Amino acid sequence: MSFIEANPVEIESILSASDTYIETLTVKQIEAQPWLTELVIKTQLLTAKNPEERRVKARCCIERAQLVSLGSAINQFLESTGSLSESTLDRIE
């Protein structure tokens, strides 16, 4: 996973990419409701008529506590499947 944009209220990360398809995850603070975070998964088909068009695949809003819980669940999954070394997990946390 690579990060392509970062600022204090929004981060976009590539979930999957090939020569013809890109899938991204955007994590964004909602300014009008700062206790909520918006998660958006978008797809981009590079062979489409308009290859710059991104389509929303999924969107949800969650509170910060659930965002932290989601991060912990992902780390637990990676640890239990041996997908990451301990030094990599330390950098994520």
PDB file of N, CA and C in Angstrom:
ATOM      1  N   MET A   1       0.851  -1.161   0.000  1.00  0.00           N
ATOM      2  CA  MET A   1       0.000   0.000   0.000  1.00  0.00           C
ATOM      3  C   MET A   1       0.902   1.230   0.000  1.00  0.00           C
ATOM      4  N   SER A   2       0.614   2.175  -0.882  1.00  0.00           N
ATOM      5  CA  SER A   2       1.404   3.394  -0.902  1.00  0.00           C
ATOM      6  C   SER A   2       0.502   4.596  -0.705  1.00  0.00           C
ATOM      7  N   PHE A   3       1.057   5.614  -0.053  1.00  0.00           N
ATOM      8  CA  PHE A   3       0.304   6.822   0.202  1.00  0.00           C
ATOM      9  C   PHE A   3       0.603   7.820  -0.893  1.00  0.00           C
ATOM     10  N   ILE A   4      -0.432   8.441  -1.451  1.00  0.00           N
ATOM     11  CA  ILE A   4      -0.201   9.366  -2.539  1.00  0.00           C
ATOM     12  C   ILE A   4      -0.539  10.803  -2.184  1.00  0.00           C
ATOM     13  N   GLU A   5      -1.180  11.016  -1.064  1.00  0.00           N
ATOM     14  CA  GLU A   5      -1.527  12.365  -0.650  1.00  0.00           C
ATOM     15  C   GLU A   5      -1.625  12.394   0.860  1.00  0.00           C
ATOM     16  N   ALA A   6      -1.169  13.472   1.471  1.00  0.00           N
ATOM     17  CA  ALA A   6      -1.325  13.576   2.912  1.00  0.00           C
ATOM     18  C   ALA A   6      -1.380  15.037   3.326  1.00  0.00           C
ATOM     19  N   ASN A   7      -2.304  15.362   4.192  1.00  0.00           N
ATOM     20  CA  ASN A   7      -2.366  16.641   4.869  1.00  0.00           C
ATOM     21  C   ASN A   7      -3.077  16.383   6.186  1.00  0.00           C
ATOM     22  N   PRO A   8      -3.238  17.384   7.044  1.00  0.00           N
ATOM     23  CA  PRO A   8      -3.794  17.109   8.374  1.00  0.00           C
ATOM     24  C   PRO A   8      -5.190  16.501   8.400  1.00  0.00           C
ATOM     25  N   VAL A   9      -5.997  16.658   7.356  1.00  0.00           N
ATOM     26  CA  VAL A   9      -7.365  16.182   7.429  1.00  0.00           C
ATOM     27  C   VAL A   9      -7.724  15.140   6.374  1.00  0.00           C
ATOM     28  N   GLU A  10      -6.799  14.769   5.499  1.00  0.00           N
ATOM     29  CA  GLU A  10      -7.117  13.795   4.444  1.00  0.00           C
ATOM     30  C   GLU A  10      -5.882  13.008   4.024  1.00  0.00           C
ATOM     31  N   ILE A  11      -6.057  11.689   3.894  1.00  0.00           N
ATOM     32  CA  ILE A  11      -4.989  10.812   3.403  1.00  0.00           C
ATOM     33  C   ILE A  11      -5.593   9.890   2.359  1.00  0.00           C
ATOM     34  N   GLU A  12      -4.904   9.745   1.247  1.00  0.00           N
ATOM     35  CA  GLU A  12      -5.342   8.820   0.201  1.00  0.00           C
ATOM     36  C   GLU A  12      -4.257   7.771   0.010  1.00  0.00           C
ATOM     37  N   SER A  13      -4.684   6.523  -0.099  1.00  0.00           N
ATOM     38  CA  SER A  13      -3.750   5.414  -0.233  1.00  0.00           C
ATOM     39  C   SER A  13      -4.217   4.488  -1.348  1.00  0.00           C
ATOM     40  N   ILE A  14      -3.276   3.987  -2.126  1.00  0.00           N
ATOM     41  CA  ILE A  14      -3.598   3.037  -3.189  1.00  0.00           C
ATOM     42  C   ILE A  14      -3.751   1.650  -2.570  1.00  0.00           C
ATOM     43  N   LEU A  15      -4.917   1.050  -2.762  1.00  0.00           N
ATOM     44  CA  LEU A  15      -5.165  -0.303  -2.269  1.00  0.00           C
ATOM     45  C   LEU A  15      -4.733  -1.350  -3.281  1.00  0.00           C
ATOM     46  N   SER A  16      -4.967  -1.046  -4.564  1.00  0.00           N
ATOM     47  CA  SER A  16      -4.665  -1.980  -5.634  1.00  0.00           C
ATOM     48  C   SER A  16      -4.395  -1.183  -6.903  1.00  0.00           C
ATOM     49  N   ALA A  17      -3.424  -1.639  -7.677  1.00  0.00           N
ATOM     50  CA  ALA A  17      -3.125  -0.942  -8.931  1.00  0.00           C
ATOM     51  C   ALA A  17      -2.554  -1.915  -9.949  1.00  0.00           C
ATOM     52  N   SER A  18      -2.935  -1.691 -11.198  1.00  0.00           N
ATOM     53  CA  SER A  18      -2.382  -2.450 -12.328  1.00  0.00           C
ATOM     54  C   SER A  18      -2.259  -1.481 -13.491  1.00  0.00           C
ATOM     55  N   ASP A  19      -1.970  -2.008 -14.661  1.00  0.00           N
ATOM     56  CA  ASP A  19      -1.861  -1.158 -15.844  1.00  0.00           C
ATOM     57  C   ASP A  19      -3.208  -0.577 -16.261  1.00  0.00           C
ATOM     58  N   THR A  20      -4.297  -1.195 -15.818  1.00  0.00           N
ATOM     59  CA  THR A  20      -5.621  -0.769 -16.286  1.00  0.00           C
ATOM     60  C   THR A  20      -6.587  -0.349 -15.175  1.00  0.00           C
ATOM     61  N   TYR A  21      -6.213  -0.509 -13.909  1.00  0.00           N
ATOM     62  CA  TYR A  21      -7.167  -0.325 -12.818  1.00  0.00           C
ATOM     63  C   TYR A  21      -6.453   0.202 -11.583  1.00  0.00           C
ATOM     64  N   ILE A  22      -7.082   1.165 -10.903  1.00  0.00           N
ATOM     65  CA  ILE A  22      -6.569   1.681  -9.635  1.00  0.00           C
ATOM     66  C   ILE A  22      -7.720   1.718  -8.638  1.00  0.00           C
ATOM     67  N   GLU A  23      -7.457   1.251  -7.420  1.00  0.00           N
ATOM     68  CA  GLU A  23      -8.436   1.325  -6.340  1.00  0.00           C
ATOM     69  C   GLU A  23      -7.776   2.059  -5.178  1.00  0.00           C
ATOM     70  N   THR A  24      -8.443   3.096  -4.665  1.00  0.00           N
ATOM     71  CA  THR A  24      -7.865   3.907  -3.597  1.00  0.00           C
ATOM     72  C   THR A  24      -8.791   3.968  -2.387  1.00  0.00           C
ATOM     73  N   LEU A  25      -8.181   4.238  -1.242  1.00  0.00           N
ATOM     74  CA  LEU A  25      -8.915   4.476  -0.004  1.00  0.00           C
ATOM     75  C   LEU A  25      -8.562   5.883   0.456  1.00  0.00           C
ATOM     76  N   THR A  26      -9.585   6.686   0.714  1.00  0.00           N
ATOM     77  CA  THR A  26      -9.385   8.025   1.259  1.00  0.00           C
ATOM     78  C   THR A  26      -9.957   8.064   2.665  1.00  0.00           C
ATOM     79  N   VAL A  27      -9.156   8.562   3.600  1.00  0.00           N
ATOM     80  CA  VAL A  27      -9.579   8.750   4.983  1.00  0.00           C
ATOM     81  C   VAL A  27      -9.575  10.254   5.201  1.00  0.00           C
ATOM     82  N   LYS A  28     -10.744  10.795   5.544  1.00  0.00           N
ATOM     83  CA  LYS A  28     -10.881  12.247   5.596  1.00  0.00           C
ATOM     84  C   LYS A  28     -11.695  12.678   6.811  1.00  0.00           C
ATOM     85  N   GLN A  29     -11.167  13.655   7.535  1.00  0.00           N
ATOM     86  CA  GLN A  29     -11.914  14.230   8.647  1.00  0.00           C
ATOM     87  C   GLN A  29     -13.043  15.087   8.085  1.00  0.00           C
ATOM     88  N   ILE A  30     -14.206  14.992   8.696  1.00  0.00           N
ATOM     89  CA  ILE A  30     -15.348  15.790   8.280  1.00  0.00           C
ATOM     90  C   ILE A  30     -15.320  17.088   9.087  1.00  0.00           C
ATOM     91  N   GLU A  31     -15.070  18.208   8.404  1.00  0.00           N
ATOM     92  CA  GLU A  31     -14.883  19.477   9.106  1.00  0.00           C
ATOM     93  C   GLU A  31     -16.105  19.896   9.912  1.00  0.00           C
ATOM     94  N   ALA A  32     -17.308  19.711   9.375  1.00  0.00           N
ATOM     95  CA  ALA A  32     -18.526  20.121  10.080  1.00  0.00           C
ATOM     96  C   ALA A  32     -18.847  19.212  11.268  1.00  0.00           C
ATOM     97  N   GLN A  33     -18.287  17.995  11.250  1.00  0.00           N
ATOM     98  CA  GLN A  33     -18.494  17.030  12.335  1.00  0.00           C
ATOM     99  C   GLN A  33     -17.136  16.407  12.669  1.00  0.00           C
ATOM    100  N   PRO A  34     -16.276  17.142  13.378  1.00  0.00           N
ATOM    101  CA  PRO A  34     -14.890  16.699  13.586  1.00  0.00           C
ATOM    102  C   PRO A  34     -14.718  15.392  14.343  1.00  0.00           C
ATOM    103  N   TRP A  35     -15.754  14.878  14.978  1.00  0.00           N
ATOM    104  CA  TRP A  35     -15.670  13.593  15.668  1.00  0.00           C
ATOM    105  C   TRP A  35     -15.868  12.423  14.693  1.00  0.00           C
ATOM    106  N   LEU A  36     -16.226  12.742  13.427  1.00  0.00           N
ATOM    107  CA  LEU A  36     -16.442  11.709  12.421  1.00  0.00           C
ATOM    108  C   LEU A  36     -15.341  11.706  11.372  1.00  0.00           C
ATOM    109  N   THR A  37     -15.080  10.517  10.860  1.00  0.00           N
ATOM    110  CA  THR A  37     -14.110  10.325   9.781  1.00  0.00           C
ATOM    111  C   THR A  37     -14.820   9.630   8.633  1.00  0.00           C
ATOM    112  N   GLU A  38     -14.590  10.130   7.417  1.00  0.00           N
ATOM    113  CA  GLU A  38     -15.187   9.533   6.230  1.00  0.00           C
ATOM    114  C   GLU A  38     -14.170   8.605   5.569  1.00  0.00           C
ATOM    115  N   LEU A  39     -14.593   7.388   5.277  1.00  0.00           N
ATOM    116  CA  LEU A  39     -13.774   6.430   4.539  1.00  0.00           C
ATOM    117  C   LEU A  39     -14.425   6.237   3.176  1.00  0.00           C
ATOM    118  N   VAL A  40     -13.643   6.417   2.098  1.00  0.00           N
ATOM    119  CA  VAL A  40     -14.183   6.284   0.750  1.00  0.00           C
ATOM    120  C   VAL A  40     -13.248   5.405  -0.073  1.00  0.00           C
ATOM    121  N   ILE A  41     -13.808   4.369  -0.697  1.00  0.00           N
ATOM    122  CA  ILE A  41     -13.062   3.541  -1.640  1.00  0.00           C
ATOM    123  C   ILE A  41     -13.512   3.935  -3.038  1.00  0.00           C
ATOM    124  N   LYS A  42     -12.543   4.290  -3.884  1.00  0.00           N
ATOM    125  CA  LYS A  42     -12.842   4.690  -5.260  1.00  0.00           C
ATOM    126  C   LYS A  42     -12.097   3.796  -6.233  1.00  0.00           C
ATOM    127  N   THR A  43     -12.701   3.621  -7.409  1.00  0.00           N
ATOM    128  CA  THR A  43     -12.056   2.860  -8.475  1.00  0.00           C
ATOM    129  C   THR A  43     -11.839   3.771  -9.678  1.00  0.00           C
ATOM    130  N   GLN A  44     -10.825   3.432 -10.440  1.00  0.00           N
ATOM    131  CA  GLN A  44     -10.496   4.186 -11.645  1.00  0.00           C
ATOM    132  C   GLN A  44     -10.079   3.188 -12.723  1.00  0.00           C
ATOM    133  N   LEU A  45     -10.827   3.145 -13.810  1.00  0.00           N
ATOM    134  CA  LEU A  45     -10.534   2.240 -14.913  1.00  0.00           C
ATOM    135  C   LEU A  45      -9.753   3.022 -15.972  1.00  0.00           C
ATOM    136  N   LEU A  46      -8.485   2.704 -16.117  1.00  0.00           N
ATOM    137  CA  LEU A  46      -7.600   3.479 -16.977  1.00  0.00           C
ATOM    138  C   LEU A  46      -7.835   3.255 -18.463  1.00  0.00           C
ATOM    139  N   THR A  47      -8.596   2.221 -18.816  1.00  0.00           N
ATOM    140  CA  THR A  47      -8.914   1.960 -20.225  1.00  0.00           C
ATOM    141  C   THR A  47     -10.307   2.477 -20.598  1.00  0.00           C
ATOM    142  N   ALA A  48     -10.974   3.158 -19.675  1.00  0.00           N
ATOM    143  CA  ALA A  48     -12.323   3.677 -19.923  1.00  0.00           C
ATOM    144  C   ALA A  48     -12.272   4.872 -20.874  1.00  0.00           C
ATOM    145  N   LYS A  49     -13.418   5.265 -21.351  1.00  0.00           N
ATOM    146  CA  LYS A  49     -13.522   6.427 -22.232  1.00  0.00           C
ATOM    147  C   LYS A  49     -12.927   7.670 -21.563  1.00  0.00           C
ATOM    148  N   ASN A  50     -13.191   7.815 -20.258  1.00  0.00           N
ATOM    149  CA  ASN A  50     -12.590   8.890 -19.470  1.00  0.00           C
ATOM    150  C   ASN A  50     -11.718   8.258 -18.386  1.00  0.00           C
ATOM    151  N   PRO A  51     -10.429   8.034 -18.662  1.00  0.00           N
ATOM    152  CA  PRO A  51      -9.572   7.330 -17.703  1.00  0.00           C
ATOM    153  C   PRO A  51      -9.293   8.115 -16.416  1.00  0.00           C
ATOM    154  N   GLU A  52      -9.604   9.400 -16.384  1.00  0.00           N
ATOM    155  CA  GLU A  52      -9.399  10.206 -15.177  1.00  0.00           C
ATOM    156  C   GLU A  52     -10.562  10.076 -14.189  1.00  0.00           C
ATOM    157  N   GLU A  53     -11.688   9.535 -14.658  1.00  0.00           N
ATOM    158  CA  GLU A  53     -12.876   9.431 -13.813  1.00  0.00           C
ATOM    159  C   GLU A  53     -12.670   8.410 -12.701  1.00  0.00           C
ATOM    160  N   ARG A  54     -13.019   8.836 -11.495  1.00  0.00           N
ATOM    161  CA  ARG A  54     -12.999   7.943 -10.336  1.00  0.00           C
ATOM    162  C   ARG A  54     -14.430   7.733  -9.875  1.00  0.00           C
ATOM    163  N   ARG A  55     -14.766   6.491  -9.618  1.00  0.00           N
ATOM    164  CA  ARG A  55     -16.118   6.165  -9.151  1.00  0.00           C
ATOM    165  C   ARG A  55     -16.068   5.682  -7.713  1.00  0.00           C
ATOM    166  N   VAL A  56     -17.049   6.123  -6.938  1.00  0.00           N
ATOM    167  CA  VAL A  56     -17.131   5.711  -5.537  1.00  0.00           C
ATOM    168  C   VAL A  56     -17.680   4.293  -5.475  1.00  0.00           C
ATOM    169  N   LYS A  57     -16.900   3.422  -4.866  1.00  0.00           N
ATOM    170  CA  LYS A  57     -17.300   2.024  -4.695  1.00  0.00           C
ATOM    171  C   LYS A  57     -17.984   1.821  -3.346  1.00  0.00           C
ATOM    172  N   ALA A  58     -17.460   2.526  -2.314  1.00  0.00           N
ATOM    173  CA  ALA A  58     -18.029   2.415  -0.969  1.00  0.00           C
ATOM    174  C   ALA A  58     -17.701   3.675  -0.179  1.00  0.00           C
ATOM    175  N   ARG A  59     -18.617   4.033   0.715  1.00  0.00           N
ATOM    176  CA  ARG A  59     -18.413   5.208   1.569  1.00  0.00           C
ATOM    177  C   ARG A  59     -19.076   4.952   2.916  1.00  0.00           C
ATOM    178  N   CYS A  60     -18.373   5.330   3.987  1.00  0.00           N
ATOM    179  CA  CYS A  60     -18.980   5.268   5.314  1.00  0.00           C
ATOM    180  C   CYS A  60     -18.353   6.323   6.212  1.00  0.00           C
ATOM    181  N   CYS A  61     -19.070   6.684   7.245  1.00  0.00           N
ATOM    182  CA  CYS A  61     -18.574   7.639   8.235  1.00  0.00           C
ATOM    183  C   CYS A  61     -18.532   6.924   9.582  1.00  0.00           C
ATOM    184  N   ILE A  62     -17.397   7.047  10.253  1.00  0.00           N
ATOM    185  CA  ILE A  62     -17.245   6.383  11.550  1.00  0.00           C
ATOM    186  C   ILE A  62     -16.620   7.347  12.546  1.00  0.00           C
ATOM    187  N   GLU A  63     -16.864   7.090  13.823  1.00  0.00           N
ATOM    188  CA  GLU A  63     -16.254   7.899  14.870  1.00  0.00           C
ATOM    189  C   GLU A  63     -14.795   7.498  15.046  1.00  0.00           C
ATOM    190  N   ARG A  64     -14.024   8.391  15.639  1.00  0.00           N
ATOM    191  CA  ARG A  64     -12.587   8.173  15.801  1.00  0.00           C
ATOM    192  C   ARG A  64     -12.276   6.867  16.548  1.00  0.00           C
ATOM    193  N   ALA A  65     -13.068   6.555  17.569  1.00  0.00           N
ATOM    194  CA  ALA A  65     -12.827   5.321  18.342  1.00  0.00           C
ATOM    195  C   ALA A  65     -12.934   4.091  17.446  1.00  0.00           C
ATOM    196  N   GLN A  66     -13.890   4.087  16.523  1.00  0.00           N
ATOM    197  CA  GLN A  66     -14.042   2.956  15.614  1.00  0.00           C
ATOM    198  C   GLN A  66     -12.908   2.929  14.583  1.00  0.00           C
ATOM    199  N   LEU A  67     -12.394   4.105  14.214  1.00  0.00           N
ATOM    200  CA  LEU A  67     -11.249   4.171  13.310  1.00  0.00           C
ATOM    201  C   LEU A  67     -10.020   3.547  13.972  1.00  0.00           C
ATOM    202  N   VAL A  68      -9.819   3.857  15.234  1.00  0.00           N
ATOM    203  CA  VAL A  68      -8.715   3.263  15.995  1.00  0.00           C
ATOM    204  C   VAL A  68      -8.919   1.758  16.108  1.00  0.00           C
ATOM    205  N   SER A  69     -10.154   1.336  16.369  1.00  0.00           N
ATOM    206  CA  SER A  69     -10.468  -0.087  16.466  1.00  0.00           C
ATOM    207  C   SER A  69     -10.199  -0.798  15.135  1.00  0.00           C
ATOM    208  N   LEU A  70     -10.561  -0.157  14.039  1.00  0.00           N
ATOM    209  CA  LEU A  70     -10.294  -0.720  12.712  1.00  0.00           C
ATOM    210  C   LEU A  70      -8.797  -0.893  12.485  1.00  0.00           C
ATOM    211  N   GLY A  71      -8.016   0.129  12.843  1.00  0.00           N
ATOM    212  CA  GLY A  71      -6.561   0.027  12.716  1.00  0.00           C
ATOM    213  C   GLY A  71      -6.001  -1.119  13.551  1.00  0.00           C
ATOM    214  N   SER A  72      -6.511  -1.272  14.768  1.00  0.00           N
ATOM    215  CA  SER A  72      -6.068  -2.372  15.636  1.00  0.00           C
ATOM    216  C   SER A  72      -6.440  -3.727  15.050  1.00  0.00           C
ATOM    217  N   ALA A  73      -7.645  -3.817  14.479  1.00  0.00           N
ATOM    218  CA  ALA A  73      -8.084  -5.074  13.866  1.00  0.00           C
ATOM    219  C   ALA A  73      -7.193  -5.434  12.670  1.00  0.00           C
ATOM    220  N   ILE A  74      -6.830  -4.446  11.874  1.00  0.00           N
ATOM    221  CA  ILE A  74      -5.940  -4.697  10.737  1.00  0.00           C
ATOM    222  C   ILE A  74      -4.578  -5.158  11.230  1.00  0.00           C
ATOM    223  N   ASN A  75      -4.035  -4.479  12.240  1.00  0.00           N
ATOM    224  CA  ASN A  75      -2.741  -4.895  12.800  1.00  0.00           C
ATOM    225  C   ASN A  75      -2.805  -6.302  13.369  1.00  0.00           C
ATOM    226  N   GLN A  76      -3.900  -6.628  14.068  1.00  0.00           N
ATOM    227  CA  GLN A  76      -4.060  -7.976  14.635  1.00  0.00           C
ATOM    228  C   GLN A  76      -4.099  -9.018  13.524  1.00  0.00           C
ATOM    229  N   PHE A  77      -4.812  -8.722  12.445  1.00  0.00           N
ATOM    230  CA  PHE A  77      -4.871  -9.646  11.309  1.00  0.00           C
ATOM    231  C   PHE A  77      -3.478  -9.855  10.716  1.00  0.00           C
ATOM    232  N   LEU A  78      -2.747  -8.760  10.515  1.00  0.00           N
ATOM    233  CA  LEU A  78      -1.413  -8.869   9.931  1.00  0.00           C
ATOM    234  C   LEU A  78      -0.467  -9.651  10.831  1.00  0.00           C
ATOM    235  N   GLU A  79      -0.567  -9.419  12.135  1.00  0.00           N
ATOM    236  CA  GLU A  79       0.265 -10.160  13.075  1.00  0.00           C
ATOM    237  C   GLU A  79      -0.075 -11.652  13.061  1.00  0.00           C
ATOM    238  N   SER A  80      -1.362 -11.971  13.047  1.00  0.00           N
ATOM    239  CA  SER A  80      -1.773 -13.379  13.133  1.00  0.00           C
ATOM    240  C   SER A  80      -1.496 -14.144  11.843  1.00  0.00           C
ATOM    241  N   THR A  81      -1.397 -13.441  10.733  1.00  0.00           N
ATOM    242  CA  THR A  81      -1.102 -14.118   9.469  1.00  0.00           C
ATOM    243  C   THR A  81       0.373 -14.039   9.109  1.00  0.00           C
ATOM    244  N   GLY A  82       1.165 -13.384   9.970  1.00  0.00           N
ATOM    245  CA  GLY A  82       2.592 -13.277   9.710  1.00  0.00           C
ATOM    246  C   GLY A  82       2.910 -12.390   8.519  1.00  0.00           C
ATOM    247  N   SER A  83       2.001 -11.468   8.192  1.00  0.00           N
ATOM    248  CA  SER A  83       2.184 -10.619   7.018  1.00  0.00           C
ATOM    249  C   SER A  83       3.165  -9.486   7.238  1.00  0.00           C
ATOM    250  N   LEU A  84       3.440  -9.141   8.482  1.00  0.00           N
ATOM    251  CA  LEU A  84       4.359  -8.043   8.776  1.00  0.00           C
ATOM    252  C   LEU A  84       5.338  -8.445   9.869  1.00  0.00           C
ATOM    253  N   SER A  85       6.517  -7.911   9.792  1.00  0.00           N
ATOM    254  CA  SER A  85       7.482  -8.105  10.865  1.00  0.00           C
ATOM    255  C   SER A  85       7.155  -7.133  11.990  1.00  0.00           C
ATOM    256  N   GLU A  86       7.705  -7.373  13.164  1.00  0.00           N
ATOM    257  CA  GLU A  86       7.441  -6.497  14.305  1.00  0.00           C
ATOM    258  C   GLU A  86       7.936  -5.085  14.047  1.00  0.00           C
ATOM    259  N   SER A  87       9.077  -4.922  13.392  1.00  0.00           N
ATOM    260  CA  SER A  87       9.592  -3.577  13.140  1.00  0.00           C
ATOM    261  C   SER A  87       8.661  -2.786  12.221  1.00  0.00           C
ATOM    262  N   THR A  88       8.025  -3.454  11.278  1.00  0.00           N
ATOM    263  CA  THR A  88       7.070  -2.775  10.392  1.00  0.00           C
ATOM    264  C   THR A  88       5.831  -2.378  11.177  1.00  0.00           C
ATOM    265  N   LEU A  89       5.352  -3.252  12.065  1.00  0.00           N
ATOM    266  CA  LEU A  89       4.182  -2.933  12.867  1.00  0.00           C
ATOM    267  C   LEU A  89       4.451  -1.741  13.779  1.00  0.00           C
ATOM    268  N   ASP A  90       5.665  -1.649  14.336  1.00  0.00           N
ATOM    269  CA  ASP A  90       6.011  -0.511  15.185  1.00  0.00           C
ATOM    270  C   ASP A  90       5.899   0.791  14.421  1.00  0.00           C
ATOM    271  N   ARG A  91       6.292   0.797  13.147  1.00  0.00           N
ATOM    272  CA  ARG A  91       6.212   2.013  12.341  1.00  0.00           C
ATOM    273  C   ARG A  91       4.768   2.368  12.018  1.00  0.00           C
ATOM    274  N   ILE A  92       3.875   1.382  11.891  1.00  0.00           N
ATOM    275  CA  ILE A  92       2.470   1.645  11.596  1.00  0.00           C
ATOM    276  C   ILE A  92       1.780   2.260  12.803  1.00  0.00           C
ATOM    277  N   GLU A  93       2.064   1.741  13.984  1.00  0.00           N
ATOM    278  CA  GLU A  93       1.408   2.219  15.203  1.00  0.00           C
ATOM    279  C   GLU A  93       1.994   3.537  15.569  1.00  0.00           C
TER     280      GLU A  93
END
